[in-house]
Amino acid sequence: SEESKKAIINAVLDNEDHRMRNLRYVNEDFEEYISNKM
């Protein structure tokens, strides 16, 4: 139910350490970034 979903979302997101540490946003063009890495 929408109520249950909201409760679960709040329970997870209220945790200050909830963010995925293995996920990183890179504000660069992917092809150029990979080309430079290679």
PDB file of all heavy atoms in Angstrom:
ATOM      1  N   SER A   1       0.851  -1.188   0.000  1.00  0.00           N
ATOM      2  CA  SER A   1       0.000   0.000   0.000  1.00  0.00           C
ATOM      3  C   SER A   1       0.887   1.239   0.000  1.00  0.00           C
ATOM      4  O   SER A   1       2.047   1.196   0.424  1.00  0.00           O
ATOM      5  CB  SER A   1      -0.903   0.010   1.230  1.00  0.00           C
ATOM      6  OG  SER A   1      -0.117   0.180   2.409  1.00  0.00           O
ATOM      7  N   GLU A   2       0.320   2.360  -0.468  1.00  0.00           N
ATOM      8  CA  GLU A   2       1.106   3.589  -0.522  1.00  0.00           C
ATOM      9  C   GLU A   2       1.557   4.014   0.864  1.00  0.00           C
ATOM     10  O   GLU A   2       2.669   4.507   1.040  1.00  0.00           O
ATOM     11  CB  GLU A   2       0.295   4.714  -1.176  1.00  0.00           C
ATOM     12  CG  GLU A   2       1.100   5.986  -1.358  1.00  0.00           C
ATOM     13  CD  GLU A   2       0.416   6.992  -2.255  1.00  0.00           C
ATOM     14  OE1 GLU A   2      -0.398   6.563  -3.097  1.00  0.00           O
ATOM     15  OE2 GLU A   2       0.707   8.193  -2.121  1.00  0.00           O
ATOM     16  N   GLU A   3       0.720   3.778   1.865  1.00  0.00           N
ATOM     17  CA  GLU A   3       1.071   4.127   3.240  1.00  0.00           C
ATOM     18  C   GLU A   3       2.273   3.318   3.721  1.00  0.00           C
ATOM     19  O   GLU A   3       3.197   3.860   4.339  1.00  0.00           O
ATOM     20  CB  GLU A   3      -0.127   3.898   4.167  1.00  0.00           C
ATOM     21  CG  GLU A   3       0.116   4.314   5.609  1.00  0.00           C
ATOM     22  CD  GLU A   3      -1.108   4.096   6.489  1.00  0.00           C
ATOM     23  OE1 GLU A   3      -2.174   3.732   5.957  1.00  0.00           O
ATOM     24  OE2 GLU A   3      -0.974   4.284   7.718  1.00  0.00           O
ATOM     25  N   SER A   4       2.257   2.021   3.402  1.00  0.00           N
ATOM     26  CA  SER A   4       3.375   1.158   3.810  1.00  0.00           C
ATOM     27  C   SER A   4       4.658   1.552   3.084  1.00  0.00           C
ATOM     28  O   SER A   4       5.737   1.589   3.671  1.00  0.00           O
ATOM     29  CB  SER A   4       3.048  -0.304   3.515  1.00  0.00           C
ATOM     30  OG  SER A   4       1.968  -0.759   4.301  1.00  0.00           O
ATOM     31  N   LYS A   5       4.521   1.869   1.787  1.00  0.00           N
ATOM     32  CA  LYS A   5       5.694   2.265   1.011  1.00  0.00           C
ATOM     33  C   LYS A   5       6.319   3.541   1.581  1.00  0.00           C
ATOM     34  O   LYS A   5       7.541   3.646   1.728  1.00  0.00           O
ATOM     35  CB  LYS A   5       5.325   2.449  -0.462  1.00  0.00           C
ATOM     36  CG  LYS A   5       5.082   1.135  -1.196  1.00  0.00           C
ATOM     37  CD  LYS A   5       5.062   1.310  -2.698  1.00  0.00           C
ATOM     38  CE  LYS A   5       3.792   1.931  -3.185  1.00  0.00           C
ATOM     39  NZ  LYS A   5       3.688   1.937  -4.661  1.00  0.00           N
ATOM     40  N   LYS A   6       5.472   4.502   1.907  1.00  0.00           N
ATOM     41  CA  LYS A   6       5.992   5.753   2.462  1.00  0.00           C
ATOM     42  C   LYS A   6       6.700   5.519   3.795  1.00  0.00           C
ATOM     43  O   LYS A   6       7.750   6.104   4.074  1.00  0.00           O
ATOM     44  CB  LYS A   6       4.849   6.739   2.648  1.00  0.00           C
ATOM     45  CG  LYS A   6       4.336   7.354   1.349  1.00  0.00           C
ATOM     46  CD  LYS A   6       3.221   8.359   1.623  1.00  0.00           C
ATOM     47  CE  LYS A   6       2.748   9.013   0.320  1.00  0.00           C
ATOM     48  NZ  LYS A   6       1.640   9.981   0.575  1.00  0.00           N
ATOM     49  N   ALA A   7       6.110   4.643   4.631  1.00  0.00           N
ATOM     50  CA  ALA A   7       6.706   4.357   5.936  1.00  0.00           C
ATOM     51  C   ALA A   7       8.080   3.703   5.770  1.00  0.00           C
ATOM     52  O   ALA A   7       9.045   4.044   6.468  1.00  0.00           O
ATOM     53  CB  ALA A   7       5.782   3.449   6.743  1.00  0.00           C
ATOM     54  N   ILE A   8       8.173   2.766   4.803  1.00  0.00           N
ATOM     55  CA  ILE A   8       9.446   2.069   4.571  1.00  0.00           C
ATOM     56  C   ILE A   8      10.475   3.029   3.990  1.00  0.00           C
ATOM     57  O   ILE A   8      11.642   3.043   4.407  1.00  0.00           O
ATOM     58  CB  ILE A   8       9.230   0.860   3.630  1.00  0.00           C
ATOM     59  CG1 ILE A   8       8.386  -0.206   4.330  1.00  0.00           C
ATOM     60  CG2 ILE A   8      10.576   0.269   3.189  1.00  0.00           C
ATOM     61  CD1 ILE A   8       7.924  -1.320   3.405  1.00  0.00           C
ATOM     62  N   ILE A   9      10.047   3.868   3.023  1.00  0.00           N
ATOM     63  CA  ILE A   9      10.958   4.842   2.416  1.00  0.00           C
ATOM     64  C   ILE A   9      11.502   5.796   3.468  1.00  0.00           C
ATOM     65  O   ILE A   9      12.707   6.068   3.526  1.00  0.00           O
ATOM     66  CB  ILE A   9      10.227   5.628   1.306  1.00  0.00           C
ATOM     67  CG1 ILE A   9       9.935   4.717   0.115  1.00  0.00           C
ATOM     68  CG2 ILE A   9      11.084   6.818   0.846  1.00  0.00           C
ATOM     69  CD1 ILE A   9       9.000   5.317  -0.915  1.00  0.00           C
ATOM     70  N   ASN A  10      10.612   6.289   4.341  1.00  0.00           N
ATOM     71  CA  ASN A  10      11.048   7.213   5.398  1.00  0.00           C
ATOM     72  C   ASN A  10      12.010   6.528   6.365  1.00  0.00           C
ATOM     73  O   ASN A  10      12.993   7.125   6.813  1.00  0.00           O
ATOM     74  CB  ASN A  10       9.837   7.757   6.158  1.00  0.00           C
ATOM     75  CG  ASN A  10       9.020   8.729   5.322  1.00  0.00           C
ATOM     76  OD1 ASN A  10       9.551   9.354   4.408  1.00  0.00           O
ATOM     77  ND2 ASN A  10       7.725   8.840   5.613  1.00  0.00           N
ATOM     78  N   ALA A  11      11.729   5.259   6.679  1.00  0.00           N
ATOM     79  CA  ALA A  11      12.588   4.527   7.617  1.00  0.00           C
ATOM     80  C   ALA A  11      13.998   4.375   7.058  1.00  0.00           C
ATOM     81  O   ALA A  11      14.987   4.477   7.786  1.00  0.00           O
ATOM     82  CB  ALA A  11      11.988   3.150   7.912  1.00  0.00           C
ATOM     83  N   VAL A  12      14.094   4.158   5.736  1.00  0.00           N
ATOM     84  CA  VAL A  12      15.403   3.988   5.103  1.00  0.00           C
ATOM     85  C   VAL A  12      16.099   5.327   4.917  1.00  0.00           C
ATOM     86  O   VAL A  12      17.260   5.503   5.284  1.00  0.00           O
ATOM     87  CB  VAL A  12      15.268   3.272   3.738  1.00  0.00           C
ATOM     88  CG1 VAL A  12      16.619   3.254   3.007  1.00  0.00           C
ATOM     89  CG2 VAL A  12      14.762   1.854   3.932  1.00  0.00           C
ATOM     90  N   LEU A  13      15.372   6.308   4.380  1.00  0.00           N
ATOM     91  CA  LEU A  13      15.995   7.583   4.031  1.00  0.00           C
ATOM     92  C   LEU A  13      16.274   8.456   5.245  1.00  0.00           C
ATOM     93  O   LEU A  13      17.114   9.362   5.174  1.00  0.00           O
ATOM     94  CB  LEU A  13      15.121   8.347   3.036  1.00  0.00           C
ATOM     95  CG  LEU A  13      14.868   7.640   1.702  1.00  0.00           C
ATOM     96  CD1 LEU A  13      14.118   8.569   0.753  1.00  0.00           C
ATOM     97  CD2 LEU A  13      16.165   7.187   1.056  1.00  0.00           C
ATOM     98  N   ASP A  14      15.595   8.211   6.365  1.00  0.00           N
ATOM     99  CA  ASP A  14      15.866   8.981   7.580  1.00  0.00           C
ATOM    100  C   ASP A  14      17.209   8.626   8.188  1.00  0.00           C
ATOM    101  O   ASP A  14      17.752   9.362   9.007  1.00  0.00           O
ATOM    102  CB  ASP A  14      14.759   8.759   8.625  1.00  0.00           C
ATOM    103  CG  ASP A  14      13.515   9.578   8.302  1.00  0.00           C
ATOM    104  OD1 ASP A  14      13.603  10.455   7.422  1.00  0.00           O
ATOM    105  OD2 ASP A  14      12.463   9.331   8.920  1.00  0.00           O
ATOM    106  N   ASN A  15      17.733   7.449   7.781  1.00  0.00           N
ATOM    107  CA  ASN A  15      19.045   7.028   8.273  1.00  0.00           C
ATOM    108  C   ASN A  15      20.113   7.860   7.565  1.00  0.00           C
ATOM    109  O   ASN A  15      20.221   7.849   6.341  1.00  0.00           O
ATOM    110  CB  ASN A  15      19.251   5.535   7.974  1.00  0.00           C
ATOM    111  CG  ASN A  15      20.599   5.026   8.445  1.00  0.00           C
ATOM    112  OD1 ASN A  15      21.403   5.774   8.999  1.00  0.00           O
ATOM    113  ND2 ASN A  15      20.834   3.747   8.226  1.00  0.00           N
ATOM    114  N   GLU A  16      20.924   8.596   8.312  1.00  0.00           N
ATOM    115  CA  GLU A  16      21.936   9.473   7.720  1.00  0.00           C
ATOM    116  C   GLU A  16      22.953   8.705   6.882  1.00  0.00           C
ATOM    117  O   GLU A  16      23.594   9.263   5.994  1.00  0.00           O
ATOM    118  CB  GLU A  16      22.679  10.252   8.822  1.00  0.00           C
ATOM    119  CG  GLU A  16      21.798  11.240   9.562  1.00  0.00           C
ATOM    120  CD  GLU A  16      22.576  12.001  10.625  1.00  0.00           C
ATOM    121  OE1 GLU A  16      23.784  11.712  10.782  1.00  0.00           O
ATOM    122  OE2 GLU A  16      21.984  12.868  11.285  1.00  0.00           O
ATOM    123  N   ASP A  17      23.114   7.440   7.164  1.00  0.00           N
ATOM    124  CA  ASP A  17      24.126   6.646   6.461  1.00  0.00           C
ATOM    125  C   ASP A  17      23.505   5.766   5.380  1.00  0.00           C
ATOM    126  O   ASP A  17      24.053   4.760   4.983  1.00  0.00           O
ATOM    127  CB  ASP A  17      24.876   5.768   7.475  1.00  0.00           C
ATOM    128  CG  ASP A  17      26.169   5.204   6.891  1.00  0.00           C
ATOM    129  OD1 ASP A  17      26.826   5.930   6.125  1.00  0.00           O
ATOM    130  OD2 ASP A  17      26.488   4.043   7.199  1.00  0.00           O
ATOM    131  N   HIS A  18      22.299   6.189   4.902  1.00  0.00           N
ATOM    132  CA  HIS A  18      21.583   5.310   3.977  1.00  0.00           C
ATOM    133  C   HIS A  18      22.171   5.310   2.567  1.00  0.00           C
ATOM    134  O   HIS A  18      21.990   4.362   1.812  1.00  0.00           O
ATOM    135  CB  HIS A  18      20.106   5.716   3.906  1.00  0.00           C
ATOM    136  CG  HIS A  18      19.853   6.875   3.001  1.00  0.00           C
ATOM    137  ND1 HIS A  18      19.586   6.724   1.650  1.00  0.00           N
ATOM    138  CD2 HIS A  18      19.855   8.214   3.234  1.00  0.00           C
ATOM    139  CE1 HIS A  18      19.419   7.915   1.097  1.00  0.00           C
ATOM    140  NE2 HIS A  18      19.576   8.831   2.029  1.00  0.00           N
ATOM    141  N   ARG A  19      22.858   6.353   2.165  1.00  0.00           N
ATOM    142  CA  ARG A  19      23.320   6.467   0.787  1.00  0.00           C
ATOM    143  C   ARG A  19      24.296   5.346   0.413  1.00  0.00           C
ATOM    144  O   ARG A  19      25.137   4.961   1.210  1.00  0.00           O
ATOM    145  CB  ARG A  19      24.018   7.813   0.566  1.00  0.00           C
ATOM    146  CG  ARG A  19      23.098   9.008   0.759  1.00  0.00           C
ATOM    147  CD  ARG A  19      22.044   9.076  -0.317  1.00  0.00           C
ATOM    148  NE  ARG A  19      21.187  10.241  -0.162  1.00  0.00           N
ATOM    149  CZ  ARG A  19      20.130  10.493  -0.909  1.00  0.00           C
ATOM    150  NH1 ARG A  19      19.779   9.647  -1.855  1.00  0.00           N
ATOM    151  NH2 ARG A  19      19.393  11.571  -0.716  1.00  0.00           N
ATOM    152  N   MET A  20      24.174   4.875  -0.827  1.00  0.00           N
ATOM    153  CA  MET A  20      25.070   3.817  -1.308  1.00  0.00           C
ATOM    154  C   MET A  20      26.473   4.381  -1.481  1.00  0.00           C
ATOM    155  O   MET A  20      26.705   5.266  -2.303  1.00  0.00           O
ATOM    156  CB  MET A  20      24.572   3.271  -2.654  1.00  0.00           C
ATOM    157  CG  MET A  20      23.328   2.433  -2.560  1.00  0.00           C
ATOM    158  SD  MET A  20      22.990   1.627  -4.138  1.00  0.00           S
ATOM    159  CE  MET A  20      24.349   0.483  -4.228  1.00  0.00           C
ATOM    160  N   ARG A  21      27.402   3.859  -0.715  1.00  0.00           N
ATOM    161  CA  ARG A  21      28.774   4.347  -0.793  1.00  0.00           C
ATOM    162  C   ARG A  21      29.474   3.890  -2.062  1.00  0.00           C
ATOM    163  O   ARG A  21      30.494   4.444  -2.447  1.00  0.00           O
ATOM    164  CB  ARG A  21      29.566   3.884   0.433  1.00  0.00           C
ATOM    165  CG  ARG A  21      29.030   4.471   1.736  1.00  0.00           C
ATOM    166  CD  ARG A  21      29.849   4.018   2.922  1.00  0.00           C
ATOM    167  NE  ARG A  21      29.352   4.616   4.157  1.00  0.00           N
ATOM    168  CZ  ARG A  21      29.891   4.405   5.349  1.00  0.00           C
ATOM    169  NH1 ARG A  21      30.939   3.607   5.461  1.00  0.00           N
ATOM    170  NH2 ARG A  21      29.383   4.979   6.424  1.00  0.00           N
ATOM    171  N   ASN A  22      28.924   2.849  -2.693  1.00  0.00           N
ATOM    172  CA  ASN A  22      29.561   2.325  -3.900  1.00  0.00           C
ATOM    173  C   ASN A  22      29.007   2.968  -5.170  1.00  0.00           C
ATOM    174  O   ASN A  22      29.382   2.582  -6.268  1.00  0.00           O
ATOM    175  CB  ASN A  22      29.378   0.801  -3.972  1.00  0.00           C
ATOM    176  CG  ASN A  22      30.084   0.100  -2.844  1.00  0.00           C
ATOM    177  OD1 ASN A  22      31.178   0.487  -2.480  1.00  0.00           O
ATOM    178  ND2 ASN A  22      29.460  -0.912  -2.273  1.00  0.00           N
ATOM    179  N   LEU A  23      28.067   3.936  -5.009  1.00  0.00           N
ATOM    180  CA  LEU A  23      27.475   4.631  -6.148  1.00  0.00           C
ATOM    181  C   LEU A  23      28.042   6.042  -6.218  1.00  0.00           C
ATOM    182  O   LEU A  23      27.998   6.789  -5.243  1.00  0.00           O
ATOM    183  CB  LEU A  23      25.955   4.676  -6.001  1.00  0.00           C
ATOM    184  CG  LEU A  23      25.185   5.422  -7.095  1.00  0.00           C
ATOM    185  CD1 LEU A  23      25.286   4.677  -8.416  1.00  0.00           C
ATOM    186  CD2 LEU A  23      23.723   5.593  -6.693  1.00  0.00           C
ATOM    187  N   ARG A  24      28.567   6.409  -7.389  1.00  0.00           N
ATOM    188  CA  ARG A  24      29.181   7.730  -7.534  1.00  0.00           C
ATOM    189  C   ARG A  24      28.747   8.356  -8.853  1.00  0.00           C
ATOM    190  O   ARG A  24      28.824   7.723  -9.909  1.00  0.00           O
ATOM    191  CB  ARG A  24      30.704   7.596  -7.516  1.00  0.00           C
ATOM    192  CG  ARG A  24      31.470   8.902  -7.657  1.00  0.00           C
ATOM    193  CD  ARG A  24      32.961   8.655  -7.459  1.00  0.00           C
ATOM    194  NE  ARG A  24      33.571   8.031  -8.614  1.00  0.00           N
ATOM    195  CZ  ARG A  24      34.295   8.683  -9.526  1.00  0.00           C
ATOM    196  NH1 ARG A  24      34.492   9.980  -9.400  1.00  0.00           N
ATOM    197  NH2 ARG A  24      34.845   8.041 -10.535  1.00  0.00           N
ATOM    198  N   TYR A  25      28.267   9.604  -8.778  1.00  0.00           N
ATOM    199  CA  TYR A  25      27.886  10.323  -9.991  1.00  0.00           C
ATOM    200  C   TYR A  25      29.103  11.068 -10.534  1.00  0.00           C
ATOM    201  O   TYR A  25      29.818  11.755  -9.794  1.00  0.00           O
ATOM    202  CB  TYR A  25      26.764  11.322  -9.704  1.00  0.00           C
ATOM    203  CG  TYR A  25      26.422  12.196 -10.889  1.00  0.00           C
ATOM    204  CD1 TYR A  25      25.904  11.627 -12.054  1.00  0.00           C
ATOM    205  CD2 TYR A  25      26.622  13.569 -10.846  1.00  0.00           C
ATOM    206  CE1 TYR A  25      25.599  12.417 -13.151  1.00  0.00           C
ATOM    207  CE2 TYR A  25      26.315  14.366 -11.944  1.00  0.00           C
ATOM    208  CZ  TYR A  25      25.798  13.785 -13.094  1.00  0.00           C
ATOM    209  OH  TYR A  25      25.506  14.556 -14.180  1.00  0.00           O
ATOM    210  N   VAL A  26      29.373  10.911 -11.833  1.00  0.00           N
ATOM    211  CA  VAL A  26      30.495  11.581 -12.484  1.00  0.00           C
ATOM    212  C   VAL A  26      29.946  12.540 -13.526  1.00  0.00           C
ATOM    213  O   VAL A  26      29.344  12.112 -14.523  1.00  0.00           O
ATOM    214  CB  VAL A  26      31.451  10.566 -13.151  1.00  0.00           C
ATOM    215  CG1 VAL A  26      32.629  11.302 -13.791  1.00  0.00           C
ATOM    216  CG2 VAL A  26      31.950   9.543 -12.131  1.00  0.00           C
ATOM    217  N   ASN A  27      30.137  13.825 -13.302  1.00  0.00           N
ATOM    218  CA  ASN A  27      29.595  14.853 -14.190  1.00  0.00           C
ATOM    219  C   ASN A  27      30.556  15.125 -15.350  1.00  0.00           C
ATOM    220  O   ASN A  27      31.026  16.237 -15.558  1.00  0.00           O
ATOM    221  CB  ASN A  27      29.328  16.141 -13.397  1.00  0.00           C
ATOM    222  CG  ASN A  27      28.557  17.165 -14.221  1.00  0.00           C
ATOM    223  OD1 ASN A  27      27.867  16.804 -15.170  1.00  0.00           O
ATOM    224  ND2 ASN A  27      28.684  18.423 -13.846  1.00  0.00           N
ATOM    225  N   GLU A  28      30.863  14.073 -16.101  1.00  0.00           N
ATOM    226  CA  GLU A  28      31.720  14.159 -17.282  1.00  0.00           C
ATOM    227  C   GLU A  28      31.143  13.270 -18.367  1.00  0.00           C
ATOM    228  O   GLU A  28      30.397  12.321 -18.079  1.00  0.00           O
ATOM    229  CB  GLU A  28      33.154  13.699 -16.963  1.00  0.00           C
ATOM    230  CG  GLU A  28      33.886  14.552 -15.946  1.00  0.00           C
ATOM    231  CD  GLU A  28      35.314  14.058 -15.726  1.00  0.00           C
ATOM    232  OE1 GLU A  28      35.954  13.653 -16.725  1.00  0.00           O
ATOM    233  OE2 GLU A  28      35.775  14.067 -14.575  1.00  0.00           O
ATOM    234  N   ASP A  29      31.488  13.537 -19.609  1.00  0.00           N
ATOM    235  CA  ASP A  29      31.038  12.690 -20.699  1.00  0.00           C
ATOM    236  C   ASP A  29      31.674  11.304 -20.568  1.00  0.00           C
ATOM    237  O   ASP A  29      32.898  11.187 -20.445  1.00  0.00           O
ATOM    238  CB  ASP A  29      31.416  13.302 -22.050  1.00  0.00           C
ATOM    239  CG  ASP A  29      30.920  12.455 -23.209  1.00  0.00           C
ATOM    240  OD1 ASP A  29      29.728  12.534 -23.526  1.00  0.00           O
ATOM    241  OD2 ASP A  29      31.740  11.707 -23.778  1.00  0.00           O
ATOM    242  N   PHE A  30      30.850  10.281 -20.617  1.00  0.00           N
ATOM    243  CA  PHE A  30      31.329   8.917 -20.353  1.00  0.00           C
ATOM    244  C   PHE A  30      32.405   8.486 -21.346  1.00  0.00           C
ATOM    245  O   PHE A  30      33.453   7.962 -20.953  1.00  0.00           O
ATOM    246  CB  PHE A  30      30.156   7.936 -20.410  1.00  0.00           C
ATOM    247  CG  PHE A  30      30.576   6.494 -20.260  1.00  0.00           C
ATOM    248  CD1 PHE A  30      30.945   5.986 -19.025  1.00  0.00           C
ATOM    249  CD2 PHE A  30      30.630   5.645 -21.360  1.00  0.00           C
ATOM    250  CE1 PHE A  30      31.349   4.660 -18.879  1.00  0.00           C
ATOM    251  CE2 PHE A  30      31.027   4.327 -21.229  1.00  0.00           C
ATOM    252  CZ  PHE A  30      31.381   3.839 -19.988  1.00  0.00           C
ATOM    253  N   GLU A  31      32.161   8.683 -22.647  1.00  0.00           N
ATOM    254  CA  GLU A  31      33.099   8.206 -23.659  1.00  0.00           C
ATOM    255  C   GLU A  31      34.464   8.891 -23.513  1.00  0.00           C
ATOM    256  O   GLU A  31      35.505   8.254 -23.624  1.00  0.00           O
ATOM    257  CB  GLU A  31      32.542   8.450 -25.064  1.00  0.00           C
ATOM    258  CG  GLU A  31      31.248   7.696 -25.361  1.00  0.00           C
ATOM    259  CD  GLU A  31      31.421   6.178 -25.291  1.00  0.00           C
ATOM    260  OE1 GLU A  31      32.569   5.694 -25.366  1.00  0.00           O
ATOM    261  OE2 GLU A  31      30.403   5.482 -25.146  1.00  0.00           O
ATOM    262  N   GLU A  32      34.451  10.215 -23.252  1.00  0.00           N
ATOM    263  CA  GLU A  32      35.708  10.936 -23.067  1.00  0.00           C
ATOM    264  C   GLU A  32      36.418  10.463 -21.802  1.00  0.00           C
ATOM    265  O   GLU A  32      37.645  10.304 -21.788  1.00  0.00           O
ATOM    266  CB  GLU A  32      35.437  12.445 -22.980  1.00  0.00           C
ATOM    267  CG  GLU A  32      34.975  13.065 -24.294  1.00  0.00           C
ATOM    268  CD  GLU A  32      34.799  14.569 -24.170  1.00  0.00           C
ATOM    269  OE1 GLU A  32      35.167  15.119 -23.104  1.00  0.00           O
ATOM    270  OE2 GLU A  32      34.286  15.183 -25.124  1.00  0.00           O
ATOM    271  N   TYR A  33      35.651  10.240 -20.755  1.00  0.00           N
ATOM    272  CA  TYR A  33      36.216   9.811 -19.474  1.00  0.00           C
ATOM    273  C   TYR A  33      36.914   8.456 -19.622  1.00  0.00           C
ATOM    274  O   TYR A  33      38.044   8.270 -19.170  1.00  0.00           O
ATOM    275  CB  TYR A  33      35.098   9.722 -18.441  1.00  0.00           C
ATOM    276  CG  TYR A  33      35.546   9.407 -17.036  1.00  0.00           C
ATOM    277  CD1 TYR A  33      36.014  10.405 -16.193  1.00  0.00           C
ATOM    278  CD2 TYR A  33      35.479   8.106 -16.533  1.00  0.00           C
ATOM    279  CE1 TYR A  33      36.407  10.124 -14.899  1.00  0.00           C
ATOM    280  CE2 TYR A  33      35.875   7.814 -15.244  1.00  0.00           C
ATOM    281  CZ  TYR A  33      36.337   8.833 -14.426  1.00  0.00           C
ATOM    282  OH  TYR A  33      36.733   8.549 -13.141  1.00  0.00           O
ATOM    283  N   ILE A  34      36.239   7.520 -20.271  1.00  0.00           N
ATOM    284  CA  ILE A  34      36.804   6.179 -20.455  1.00  0.00           C
ATOM    285  C   ILE A  34      38.012   6.231 -21.382  1.00  0.00           C
ATOM    286  O   ILE A  34      39.017   5.551 -21.160  1.00  0.00           O
ATOM    287  CB  ILE A  34      35.742   5.214 -21.017  1.00  0.00           C
ATOM    288  CG1 ILE A  34      34.643   4.990 -19.976  1.00  0.00           C
ATOM    289  CG2 ILE A  34      36.373   3.887 -21.406  1.00  0.00           C
ATOM    290  CD1 ILE A  34      35.136   4.431 -18.662  1.00  0.00           C
ATOM    291  N   SER A  35      37.924   7.061 -22.429  1.00  0.00           N
ATOM    292  CA  SER A  35      39.047   7.196 -23.356  1.00  0.00           C
ATOM    293  C   SER A  35      40.287   7.704 -22.634  1.00  0.00           C
ATOM    294  O   SER A  35      41.402   7.208 -22.853  1.00  0.00           O
ATOM    295  CB  SER A  35      38.672   8.146 -24.492  1.00  0.00           C
ATOM    296  OG  SER A  35      39.761   8.330 -25.362  1.00  0.00           O
ATOM    297  N   ASN A  36      40.101   8.669 -21.755  1.00  0.00           N
ATOM    298  CA  ASN A  36      41.227   9.211 -20.981  1.00  0.00           C
ATOM    299  C   ASN A  36      41.792   8.162 -20.039  1.00  0.00           C
ATOM    300  O   ASN A  36      43.006   8.067 -19.846  1.00  0.00           O
ATOM    301  CB  ASN A  36      40.779  10.436 -20.189  1.00  0.00           C
ATOM    302  CG  ASN A  36      40.476  11.627 -21.083  1.00  0.00           C
ATOM    303  OD1 ASN A  36      40.995  11.718 -22.185  1.00  0.00           O
ATOM    304  ND2 ASN A  36      39.623  12.528 -20.624  1.00  0.00           N
ATOM    305  N   LYS A  37      40.908   7.358 -19.439  1.00  0.00           N
ATOM    306  CA  LYS A  37      41.362   6.302 -18.531  1.00  0.00           C
ATOM    307  C   LYS A  37      42.205   5.269 -19.278  1.00  0.00           C
ATOM    308  O   LYS A  37      43.238   4.817 -18.781  1.00  0.00           O
ATOM    309  CB  LYS A  37      40.154   5.606 -17.884  1.00  0.00           C
ATOM    310  CG  LYS A  37      39.587   6.330 -16.692  1.00  0.00           C
ATOM    311  CD  LYS A  37      40.522   6.203 -15.499  1.00  0.00           C
ATOM    312  CE  LYS A  37      39.940   6.846 -14.264  1.00  0.00           C
ATOM    313  NZ  LYS A  37      40.857   6.742 -13.116  1.00  0.00           N
ATOM    314  N   MET A  38      41.745   4.888 -20.467  1.00  0.00           N
ATOM    315  CA  MET A  38      42.487   3.902 -21.252  1.00  0.00           C
ATOM    316  C   MET A  38      43.845   4.456 -21.657  1.00  0.00           C
ATOM    317  O   MET A  38      44.854   3.758 -21.641  1.00  0.00           O
ATOM    318  CB  MET A  38      41.678   3.511 -22.485  1.00  0.00           C
ATOM    319  CG  MET A  38      40.416   2.735 -22.181  1.00  0.00           C
ATOM    320  SD  MET A  38      39.503   2.274 -23.668  1.00  0.00           S
ATOM    321  CE  MET A  38      40.611   1.086 -24.402  1.00  0.00           C
TER     322      MET A  38
END
